[in-house]
Amino acid sequence: MATLSTVSDLEKQVATLSRELAAMRKAISKQGGAYYEDGRDAASDYYSQLAGRLADALPAIGGRGKAIERTAREHPATAAAVGLLVLGLVASLFLARR
């Protein structure tokens, strides 16, 4: 049977371990918050860069889209053939993965 001093020593050790565990949790929480903020800042930077590049490219993309639309209206059979070709390529890619 455990003596009173042994039980008291165990209680002290448990209390010490509890304090250490609380301190470790607090430190990990701070580190997690810092990592979250760093990740959020990096994502925000990437988004800003991507938005800037897209804003610069949108006029050119719009112009190309209009040119493609004009060509498709002038040559509907060719546009349909190209569309079916692209659809076939996509279908073959999906079926090849199985």
PDB file of N, CA and C in Angstrom:
ATOM      1  N   MET A   1       0.835  -1.170   0.000  1.00  0.00           N
ATOM      2  CA  MET A   1       0.000   0.000   0.000  1.00  0.00           C
ATOM      3  C   MET A   1       0.885   1.240   0.000  1.00  0.00           C
ATOM      4  N   ALA A   2       0.452   2.243  -0.742  1.00  0.00           N
ATOM      5  CA  ALA A   2       1.240   3.459  -0.875  1.00  0.00           C
ATOM      6  C   ALA A   2       1.156   4.289   0.397  1.00  0.00           C
ATOM      7  N   THR A   3       2.259   4.870   0.733  1.00  0.00           N
ATOM      8  CA  THR A   3       2.279   5.716   1.910  1.00  0.00           C
ATOM      9  C   THR A   3       1.773   7.102   1.553  1.00  0.00           C
ATOM     10  N   LEU A   4       1.497   7.871   2.555  1.00  0.00           N
ATOM     11  CA  LEU A   4       0.968   9.212   2.363  1.00  0.00           C
ATOM     12  C   LEU A   4       1.972  10.108   1.633  1.00  0.00           C
ATOM     13  N   SER A   5       3.257   9.965   1.914  1.00  0.00           N
ATOM     14  CA  SER A   5       4.265  10.791   1.251  1.00  0.00           C
ATOM     15  C   SER A   5       4.382  10.413  -0.226  1.00  0.00           C
ATOM     16  N   THR A   6       4.222   9.136  -0.548  1.00  0.00           N
ATOM     17  CA  THR A   6       4.284   8.702  -1.946  1.00  0.00           C
ATOM     18  C   THR A   6       3.114   9.274  -2.727  1.00  0.00           C
ATOM     19  N   VAL A   7       1.934   9.265  -2.147  1.00  0.00           N
ATOM     20  CA  VAL A   7       0.756   9.829  -2.796  1.00  0.00           C
ATOM     21  C   VAL A   7       0.939  11.331  -2.975  1.00  0.00           C
ATOM     22  N   SER A   8       1.474  11.993  -1.994  1.00  0.00           N
ATOM     23  CA  SER A   8       1.709  13.431  -2.068  1.00  0.00           C
ATOM     24  C   SER A   8       2.738  13.748  -3.166  1.00  0.00           C
ATOM     25  N   ASP A   9       3.792  12.921  -3.223  1.00  0.00           N
ATOM     26  CA  ASP A   9       4.790  13.121  -4.280  1.00  0.00           C
ATOM     27  C   ASP A   9       4.174  12.919  -5.663  1.00  0.00           C
ATOM     28  N   LEU A  10       3.341  11.918  -5.792  1.00  0.00           N
ATOM     29  CA  LEU A  10       2.674  11.675  -7.075  1.00  0.00           C
ATOM     30  C   LEU A  10       1.754  12.834  -7.452  1.00  0.00           C
ATOM     31  N   GLU A  11       1.039  13.359  -6.483  1.00  0.00           N
ATOM     32  CA  GLU A  11       0.154  14.497  -6.753  1.00  0.00           C
ATOM     33  C   GLU A  11       0.966  15.715  -7.195  1.00  0.00           C
ATOM     34  N   LYS A  12       2.110  15.931  -6.585  1.00  0.00           N
ATOM     35  CA  LYS A  12       2.978  17.046  -6.976  1.00  0.00           C
ATOM     36  C   LYS A  12       3.489  16.846  -8.405  1.00  0.00           C
ATOM     37  N   GLN A  13       3.871  15.615  -8.721  1.00  0.00           N
ATOM     38  CA  GLN A  13       4.366  15.331 -10.066  1.00  0.00           C
ATOM     39  C   GLN A  13       3.266  15.525 -11.110  1.00  0.00           C
ATOM     40  N   VAL A  14       2.060  15.096 -10.774  1.00  0.00           N
ATOM     41  CA  VAL A  14       0.931  15.268 -11.695  1.00  0.00           C
ATOM     42  C   VAL A  14       0.645  16.756 -11.887  1.00  0.00           C
ATOM     43  N   ALA A  15       0.697  17.527 -10.833  1.00  0.00           N
ATOM     44  CA  ALA A  15       0.464  18.968 -10.932  1.00  0.00           C
ATOM     45  C   ALA A  15       1.548  19.628 -11.777  1.00  0.00           C
ATOM     46  N   THR A  16       2.794  19.234 -11.573  1.00  0.00           N
ATOM     47  CA  THR A  16       3.900  19.784 -12.369  1.00  0.00           C
ATOM     48  C   THR A  16       3.723  19.428 -13.841  1.00  0.00           C
ATOM     49  N   LEU A  17       3.399  18.174 -14.113  1.00  0.00           N
ATOM     50  CA  LEU A  17       3.183  17.743 -15.494  1.00  0.00           C
ATOM     51  C   LEU A  17       2.005  18.482 -16.128  1.00  0.00           C
ATOM     52  N   SER A  18       0.969  18.732 -15.360  1.00  0.00           N
ATOM     53  CA  SER A  18      -0.190  19.473 -15.876  1.00  0.00           C
ATOM     54  C   SER A  18       0.192  20.896 -16.262  1.00  0.00           C
ATOM     55  N   ARG A  19       1.002  21.546 -15.419  1.00  0.00           N
ATOM     56  CA  ARG A  19       1.467  22.898 -15.737  1.00  0.00           C
ATOM     57  C   ARG A  19       2.340  22.897 -16.997  1.00  0.00           C
ATOM     58  N   GLU A  20       3.235  21.917 -17.085  1.00  0.00           N
ATOM     59  CA  GLU A  20       4.094  21.825 -18.266  1.00  0.00           C
ATOM     60  C   GLU A  20       3.273  21.572 -19.533  1.00  0.00           C
ATOM     61  N   LEU A  21       2.271  20.725 -19.411  1.00  0.00           N
ATOM     62  CA  LEU A  21       1.394  20.437 -20.554  1.00  0.00           C
ATOM     63  C   LEU A  21       0.626  21.689 -20.977  1.00  0.00           C
ATOM     64  N   ALA A  22       0.154  22.452 -20.017  1.00  0.00           N
ATOM     65  CA  ALA A  22      -0.553  23.701 -20.327  1.00  0.00           C
ATOM     66  C   ALA A  22       0.374  24.688 -21.024  1.00  0.00           C
ATOM     67  N   ALA A  23       1.621  24.763 -20.561  1.00  0.00           N
ATOM     68  CA  ALA A  23       2.585  25.671 -21.195  1.00  0.00           C
ATOM     69  C   ALA A  23       2.887  25.219 -22.617  1.00  0.00           C
ATOM     70  N   MET A  24       3.009  23.920 -22.820  1.00  0.00           N
ATOM     71  CA  MET A  24       3.266  23.394 -24.169  1.00  0.00           C
ATOM     72  C   MET A  24       2.086  23.671 -25.093  1.00  0.00           C
ATOM     73  N   ARG A  25       0.879  23.499 -24.589  1.00  0.00           N
ATOM     74  CA  ARG A  25      -0.311  23.785 -25.404  1.00  0.00           C
ATOM     75  C   ARG A  25      -0.344  25.255 -25.815  1.00  0.00           C
ATOM     76  N   LYS A  26       0.003  26.129 -24.886  1.00  0.00           N
ATOM     77  CA  LYS A  26       0.008  27.559 -25.175  1.00  0.00           C
ATOM     78  C   LYS A  26       1.049  27.892 -26.239  1.00  0.00           C
ATOM     79  N   ALA A  27       2.231  27.301 -26.136  1.00  0.00           N
ATOM     80  CA  ALA A  27       3.301  27.546 -27.116  1.00  0.00           C
ATOM     81  C   ALA A  27       2.898  27.021 -28.493  1.00  0.00           C
ATOM     82  N   ILE A  28       2.309  25.851 -28.542  1.00  0.00           N
ATOM     83  CA  ILE A  28       1.863  25.269 -29.811  1.00  0.00           C
ATOM     84  C   ILE A  28       0.757  26.120 -30.420  1.00  0.00           C
ATOM     85  N   SER A  29      -0.122  26.616 -29.589  1.00  0.00           N
ATOM     86  CA  SER A  29      -1.201  27.478 -30.075  1.00  0.00           C
ATOM     87  C   SER A  29      -0.645  28.746 -30.715  1.00  0.00           C
ATOM     88  N   LYS A  30       0.359  29.347 -30.081  1.00  0.00           N
ATOM     89  CA  LYS A  30       0.974  30.550 -30.637  1.00  0.00           C
ATOM     90  C   LYS A  30       1.640  30.247 -31.976  1.00  0.00           C
ATOM     91  N   GLN A  31       2.352  29.123 -32.051  1.00  0.00           N
ATOM     92  CA  GLN A  31       3.019  28.742 -33.293  1.00  0.00           C
ATOM     93  C   GLN A  31       2.001  28.471 -34.394  1.00  0.00           C
ATOM     94  N   GLY A  32       0.909  27.796 -34.040  1.00  0.00           N
ATOM     95  CA  GLY A  32      -0.134  27.519 -35.027  1.00  0.00           C
ATOM     96  C   GLY A  32      -0.748  28.800 -35.565  1.00  0.00           C
ATOM     97  N   GLY A  33      -0.964  29.760 -34.681  1.00  0.00           N
ATOM     98  CA  GLY A  33      -1.501  31.051 -35.118  1.00  0.00           C
ATOM     99  C   GLY A  33      -0.544  31.774 -36.043  1.00  0.00           C
ATOM    100  N   ALA A  34       0.738  31.686 -35.747  1.00  0.00           N
ATOM    101  CA  ALA A  34       1.742  32.332 -36.603  1.00  0.00           C
ATOM    102  C   ALA A  34       1.788  31.654 -37.967  1.00  0.00           C
ATOM    103  N   TYR A  35       1.733  30.325 -37.989  1.00  0.00           N
ATOM    104  CA  TYR A  35       1.736  29.603 -39.261  1.00  0.00           C
ATOM    105  C   TYR A  35       0.497  29.939 -40.071  1.00  0.00           C
ATOM    106  N   TYR A  36      -0.636  30.050 -39.391  1.00  0.00           N
ATOM    107  CA  TYR A  36      -1.873  30.397 -40.090  1.00  0.00           C
ATOM    108  C   TYR A  36      -1.760  31.781 -40.718  1.00  0.00           C
ATOM    109  N   GLU A  37      -1.249  32.733 -39.967  1.00  0.00           N
ATOM    110  CA  GLU A  37      -1.097  34.095 -40.496  1.00  0.00           C
ATOM    111  C   GLU A  37      -0.118  34.127 -41.657  1.00  0.00           C
ATOM    112  N   ASP A  38       0.990  33.390 -41.550  1.00  0.00           N
ATOM    113  CA  ASP A  38       1.958  33.333 -42.647  1.00  0.00           C
ATOM    114  C   ASP A  38       1.322  32.736 -43.896  1.00  0.00           C
ATOM    115  N   GLY A  39       0.566  31.673 -43.723  1.00  0.00           N
ATOM    116  CA  GLY A  39      -0.102  31.042 -44.863  1.00  0.00           C
ATOM    117  C   GLY A  39      -1.141  31.960 -45.484  1.00  0.00           C
ATOM    118  N   ARG A  40      -1.867  32.653 -44.646  1.00  0.00           N
ATOM    119  CA  ARG A  40      -2.882  33.581 -45.152  1.00  0.00           C
ATOM    120  C   ARG A  40      -2.235  34.726 -45.921  1.00  0.00           C
ATOM    121  N   ASP A  41      -1.129  35.244 -45.398  1.00  0.00           N
ATOM    122  CA  ASP A  41      -0.417  36.322 -46.091  1.00  0.00           C
ATOM    123  C   ASP A  41       0.134  35.848 -47.430  1.00  0.00           C
ATOM    124  N   ALA A  42       0.690  34.641 -47.463  1.00  0.00           N
ATOM    125  CA  ALA A  42       1.236  34.104 -48.715  1.00  0.00           C
ATOM    126  C   ALA A  42       0.122  33.914 -49.737  1.00  0.00           C
ATOM    127  N   ALA A  43      -1.017  33.371 -49.299  1.00  0.00           N
ATOM    128  CA  ALA A  43      -2.142  33.176 -50.215  1.00  0.00           C
ATOM    129  C   ALA A  43      -2.656  34.512 -50.735  1.00  0.00           C
ATOM    130  N   SER A  44      -2.699  35.504 -49.885  1.00  0.00           N
ATOM    131  CA  SER A  44      -3.145  36.831 -50.300  1.00  0.00           C
ATOM    132  C   SER A  44      -2.188  37.426 -51.332  1.00  0.00           C
ATOM    133  N   ASP A  45      -0.889  37.240 -51.120  1.00  0.00           N
ATOM    134  CA  ASP A  45       0.106  37.737 -52.082  1.00  0.00           C
ATOM    135  C   ASP A  45      -0.057  37.046 -53.435  1.00  0.00           C
ATOM    136  N   TYR A  46      -0.219  35.711 -53.413  1.00  0.00           N
ATOM    137  CA  TYR A  46      -0.396  34.977 -54.668  1.00  0.00           C
ATOM    138  C   TYR A  46      -1.662  35.419 -55.386  1.00  0.00           C
ATOM    139  N   TYR A  47      -2.732  35.617 -54.628  1.00  0.00           N
ATOM    140  CA  TYR A  47      -3.987  36.057 -55.224  1.00  0.00           C
ATOM    141  C   TYR A  47      -3.828  37.435 -55.866  1.00  0.00           C
ATOM    142  N   SER A  48      -3.142  38.333 -55.198  1.00  0.00           N
ATOM    143  CA  SER A  48      -2.916  39.680 -55.747  1.00  0.00           C
ATOM    144  C   SER A  48      -2.109  39.624 -57.038  1.00  0.00           C
ATOM    145  N   GLN A  49      -1.066  38.795 -57.048  1.00  0.00           N
ATOM    146  CA  GLN A  49      -0.256  38.650 -58.247  1.00  0.00           C
ATOM    147  C   GLN A  49      -1.072  38.063 -59.395  1.00  0.00           C
ATOM    148  N   LEU A  50      -1.848  37.028 -59.091  1.00  0.00           N
ATOM    149  CA  LEU A  50      -2.668  36.388 -60.121  1.00  0.00           C
ATOM    150  C   LEU A  50      -3.725  37.352 -60.650  1.00  0.00           C
ATOM    151  N   ALA A  51      -4.344  38.101 -59.763  1.00  0.00           N
ATOM    152  CA  ALA A  51      -5.361  39.068 -60.194  1.00  0.00           C
ATOM    153  C   ALA A  51      -4.746  40.142 -61.081  1.00  0.00           C
ATOM    154  N   GLY A  52      -3.546  40.595 -60.749  1.00  0.00           N
ATOM    155  CA  GLY A  52      -2.869  41.591 -61.581  1.00  0.00           C
ATOM    156  C   GLY A  52      -2.545  41.058 -62.964  1.00  0.00           C
ATOM    157  N   ARG A  53      -2.067  39.832 -63.018  1.00  0.00           N
ATOM    158  CA  ARG A  53      -1.740  39.233 -64.319  1.00  0.00           C
ATOM    159  C   ARG A  53      -2.987  39.010 -65.154  1.00  0.00           C
ATOM    160  N   LEU A  54      -4.050  38.545 -64.510  1.00  0.00           N
ATOM    161  CA  LEU A  54      -5.293  38.328 -65.252  1.00  0.00           C
ATOM    162  C   LEU A  54      -5.888  39.644 -65.746  1.00  0.00           C
ATOM    163  N   ALA A  55      -5.792  40.671 -64.947  1.00  0.00           N
ATOM    164  CA  ALA A  55      -6.320  41.974 -65.363  1.00  0.00           C
ATOM    165  C   ALA A  55      -5.578  42.484 -66.593  1.00  0.00           C
ATOM    166  N   ASP A  56      -4.271  42.233 -66.627  1.00  0.00           N
ATOM    167  CA  ASP A  56      -3.486  42.646 -67.791  1.00  0.00           C
ATOM    168  C   ASP A  56      -3.824  41.806 -69.020  1.00  0.00           C
ATOM    169  N   ALA A  57      -4.139  40.531 -68.824  1.00  0.00           N
ATOM    170  CA  ALA A  57      -4.364  39.618 -69.938  1.00  0.00           C
ATOM    171  C   ALA A  57      -5.803  39.615 -70.445  1.00  0.00           C
ATOM    172  N   LEU A  58      -6.749  40.114 -69.667  1.00  0.00           N
ATOM    173  CA  LEU A  58      -8.162  40.046 -70.060  1.00  0.00           C
ATOM    174  C   LEU A  58      -8.478  40.721 -71.390  1.00  0.00           C
ATOM    175  N   PRO A  59      -7.961  41.884 -71.704  1.00  0.00           N
ATOM    176  CA  PRO A  59      -8.267  42.469 -73.018  1.00  0.00           C
ATOM    177  C   PRO A  59      -7.807  41.584 -74.182  1.00  0.00           C
ATOM    178  N   ALA A  60      -6.622  40.998 -74.049  1.00  0.00           N
ATOM    179  CA  ALA A  60      -6.121  40.121 -75.110  1.00  0.00           C
ATOM    180  C   ALA A  60      -6.964  38.857 -75.215  1.00  0.00           C
ATOM    181  N   ILE A  61      -7.355  38.304 -74.086  1.00  0.00           N
ATOM    182  CA  ILE A  61      -8.190  37.105 -74.094  1.00  0.00           C
ATOM    183  C   ILE A  61      -9.543  37.412 -74.722  1.00  0.00           C
ATOM    184  N   GLY A  62     -10.116  38.565 -74.387  1.00  0.00           N
ATOM    185  CA  GLY A  62     -11.400  38.963 -74.969  1.00  0.00           C
ATOM    186  C   GLY A  62     -11.300  39.136 -76.475  1.00  0.00           C
ATOM    187  N   GLY A  63     -10.211  39.736 -76.931  1.00  0.00           N
ATOM    188  CA  GLY A  63     -10.011  39.924 -78.368  1.00  0.00           C
ATOM    189  C   GLY A  63      -9.885  38.592 -79.090  1.00  0.00           C
ATOM    190  N   ARG A  64      -9.137  37.666 -78.501  1.00  0.00           N
ATOM    191  CA  ARG A  64      -8.996  36.330 -79.101  1.00  0.00           C
ATOM    192  C   ARG A  64     -10.333  35.600 -79.118  1.00  0.00           C
ATOM    193  N   GLY A  65     -11.101  35.755 -78.066  1.00  0.00           N
ATOM    194  CA  GLY A  65     -12.415  35.113 -78.008  1.00  0.00           C
ATOM    195  C   GLY A  65     -13.336  35.623 -79.103  1.00  0.00           C
ATOM    196  N   LYS A  66     -13.304  36.915 -79.335  1.00  0.00           N
ATOM    197  CA  LYS A  66     -14.135  37.487 -80.402  1.00  0.00           C
ATOM    198  C   LYS A  66     -13.685  37.005 -81.770  1.00  0.00           C
ATOM    199  N   ALA A  67     -12.386  36.886 -81.970  1.00  0.00           N
ATOM    200  CA  ALA A  67     -11.865  36.385 -83.244  1.00  0.00           C
ATOM    201  C   ALA A  67     -12.284  34.932 -83.460  1.00  0.00           C
ATOM    202  N   ILE A  68     -12.231  34.126 -82.417  1.00  0.00           N
ATOM    203  CA  ILE A  68     -12.651  32.725 -82.520  1.00  0.00           C
ATOM    204  C   ILE A  68     -14.145  32.652 -82.815  1.00  0.00           C
ATOM    205  N   GLU A  69     -14.921  33.488 -82.144  1.00  0.00           N
ATOM    206  CA  GLU A  69     -16.369  33.505 -82.386  1.00  0.00           C
ATOM    207  C   GLU A  69     -16.671  33.881 -83.839  1.00  0.00           C
ATOM    208  N   ARG A  70     -15.990  34.881 -84.375  1.00  0.00           N
ATOM    209  CA  ARG A  70     -16.188  35.277 -85.782  1.00  0.00           C
ATOM    210  C   ARG A  70     -15.865  34.121 -86.730  1.00  0.00           C
ATOM    211  N   THR A  71     -14.746  33.456 -86.464  1.00  0.00           N
ATOM    212  CA  THR A  71     -14.341  32.335 -87.311  1.00  0.00           C
ATOM    213  C   THR A  71     -15.361  31.202 -87.233  1.00  0.00           C
ATOM    214  N   ALA A  72     -15.880  30.930 -86.051  1.00  0.00           N
ATOM    215  CA  ALA A  72     -16.870  29.864 -85.892  1.00  0.00           C
ATOM    216  C   ALA A  72     -18.162  30.210 -86.618  1.00  0.00           C
ATOM    217  N   ARG A  73     -18.548  31.466 -86.624  1.00  0.00           N
ATOM    218  CA  ARG A  73     -19.763  31.871 -87.343  1.00  0.00           C
ATOM    219  C   ARG A  73     -19.568  31.778 -88.853  1.00  0.00           C
ATOM    220  N   GLU A  74     -18.357  32.068 -89.320  1.00  0.00           N
ATOM    221  CA  GLU A  74     -18.087  32.028 -90.757  1.00  0.00           C
ATOM    222  C   GLU A  74     -17.923  30.594 -91.259  1.00  0.00           C
ATOM    223  N   HIS A  75     -17.445  29.693 -90.403  1.00  0.00           N
ATOM    224  CA  HIS A  75     -17.188  28.302 -90.794  1.00  0.00           C
ATOM    225  C   HIS A  75     -17.783  27.352 -89.755  1.00  0.00           C
ATOM    226  N   PRO A  76     -19.113  27.186 -89.734  1.00  0.00           N
ATOM    227  CA  PRO A  76     -19.742  26.370 -88.691  1.00  0.00           C
ATOM    228  C   PRO A  76     -19.357  24.890 -88.772  1.00  0.00           C
ATOM    229  N   ALA A  77     -19.181  24.349 -89.973  1.00  0.00           N
ATOM    230  CA  ALA A  77     -18.832  22.930 -90.089  1.00  0.00           C
ATOM    231  C   ALA A  77     -17.438  22.670 -89.504  1.00  0.00           C
ATOM    232  N   THR A  78     -16.514  23.565 -89.757  1.00  0.00           N
ATOM    233  CA  THR A  78     -15.162  23.420 -89.207  1.00  0.00           C
ATOM    234  C   THR A  78     -15.189  23.538 -87.690  1.00  0.00           C
ATOM    235  N   ALA A  79     -15.970  24.472 -87.185  1.00  0.00           N
ATOM    236  CA  ALA A  79     -16.082  24.633 -85.735  1.00  0.00           C
ATOM    237  C   ALA A  79     -16.663  23.383 -85.092  1.00  0.00           C
ATOM    238  N   ALA A  80     -17.684  22.788 -85.723  1.00  0.00           N
ATOM    239  CA  ALA A  80     -18.280  21.561 -85.186  1.00  0.00           C
ATOM    240  C   ALA A  80     -17.267  20.419 -85.211  1.00  0.00           C
ATOM    241  N   ALA A  81     -16.489  20.319 -86.296  1.00  0.00           N
ATOM    242  CA  ALA A  81     -15.494  19.256 -86.394  1.00  0.00           C
ATOM    243  C   ALA A  81     -14.418  19.413 -85.316  1.00  0.00           C
ATOM    244  N   VAL A  82     -13.976  20.633 -85.096  1.00  0.00           N
ATOM    245  CA  VAL A  82     -12.965  20.874 -84.061  1.00  0.00           C
ATOM    246  C   VAL A  82     -13.548  20.558 -82.684  1.00  0.00           C
ATOM    247  N   GLY A  83     -14.789  20.938 -82.462  1.00  0.00           N
ATOM    248  CA  GLY A  83     -15.435  20.642 -81.185  1.00  0.00           C
ATOM    249  C   GLY A  83     -15.538  19.147 -80.942  1.00  0.00           C
ATOM    250  N   LEU A  84     -15.928  18.385 -81.954  1.00  0.00           N
ATOM    251  CA  LEU A  84     -16.013  16.930 -81.807  1.00  0.00           C
ATOM    252  C   LEU A  84     -14.632  16.316 -81.588  1.00  0.00           C
ATOM    253  N   LEU A  85     -13.626  16.859 -82.249  1.00  0.00           N
ATOM    254  CA  LEU A  85     -12.260  16.370 -82.059  1.00  0.00           C
ATOM    255  C   LEU A  85     -11.801  16.587 -80.619  1.00  0.00           C
ATOM    256  N   VAL A  86     -12.048  17.757 -80.102  1.00  0.00           N
ATOM    257  CA  VAL A  86     -11.674  18.055 -78.712  1.00  0.00           C
ATOM    258  C   VAL A  86     -12.446  17.151 -77.754  1.00  0.00           C
ATOM    259  N   LEU A  87     -13.727  16.973 -77.991  1.00  0.00           N
ATOM    260  CA  LEU A  87     -14.545  16.096 -77.148  1.00  0.00           C
ATOM    261  C   LEU A  87     -14.013  14.667 -77.183  1.00  0.00           C
ATOM    262  N   GLY A  88     -13.629  14.197 -78.382  1.00  0.00           N
ATOM    263  CA  GLY A  88     -13.059  12.857 -78.498  1.00  0.00           C
ATOM    264  C   GLY A  88     -11.745  12.716 -77.747  1.00  0.00           C
ATOM    265  N   LEU A  89     -10.904  13.728 -77.812  1.00  0.00           N
ATOM    266  CA  LEU A  89      -9.633  13.688 -77.092  1.00  0.00           C
ATOM    267  C   LEU A  89      -9.848  13.635 -75.583  1.00  0.00           C
ATOM    268  N   VAL A  90     -10.774  14.432 -75.104  1.00  0.00           N
ATOM    269  CA  VAL A  90     -11.063  14.448 -73.666  1.00  0.00           C
ATOM    270  C   VAL A  90     -11.622  13.098 -73.225  1.00  0.00           C
ATOM    271  N   ALA A  91     -12.541  12.539 -74.027  1.00  0.00           N
ATOM    272  CA  ALA A  91     -13.117  11.230 -73.689  1.00  0.00           C
ATOM    273  C   ALA A  91     -12.048  10.148 -73.689  1.00  0.00           C
ATOM    274  N   SER A  92     -11.126  10.184 -74.655  1.00  0.00           N
ATOM    275  CA  SER A  92     -10.078   9.165 -74.692  1.00  0.00           C
ATOM    276  C   SER A  92      -9.131   9.306 -73.496  1.00  0.00           C
ATOM    277  N   LEU A  93      -8.888  10.527 -73.047  1.00  0.00           N
ATOM    278  CA  LEU A  93      -8.048  10.713 -71.858  1.00  0.00           C
ATOM    279  C   LEU A  93      -8.699  10.106 -70.624  1.00  0.00           C
ATOM    280  N   PHE A  94      -9.993  10.320 -70.472  1.00  0.00           N
ATOM    281  CA  PHE A  94     -10.694   9.764 -69.313  1.00  0.00           C
ATOM    282  C   PHE A  94     -10.770   8.240 -69.381  1.00  0.00           C
ATOM    283  N   LEU A  95     -11.013   7.705 -70.575  1.00  0.00           N
ATOM    284  CA  LEU A  95     -11.106   6.253 -70.701  1.00  0.00           C
ATOM    285  C   LEU A  95      -9.752   5.574 -70.568  1.00  0.00           C
ATOM    286  N   ALA A  96      -8.687   6.252 -70.949  1.00  0.00           N
ATOM    287  CA  ALA A  96      -7.351   5.673 -70.846  1.00  0.00           C
ATOM    288  C   ALA A  96      -6.908   5.532 -69.396  1.00  0.00           C
ATOM    289  N   ARG A  97      -7.438   6.329 -68.509  1.00  0.00           N
ATOM    290  CA  ARG A  97      -7.072   6.266 -67.095  1.00  0.00           C
ATOM    291  C   ARG A  97      -7.653   5.043 -66.401  1.00  0.00           C
ATOM    292  N   ARG A  98      -8.676   4.479 -66.939  1.00  0.00           N
ATOM    293  CA  ARG A  98      -9.322   3.306 -66.314  1.00  0.00           C
ATOM    294  C   ARG A  98      -8.548   2.103 -66.555  1.00  0.00           C
TER     295      ARG A  98
END
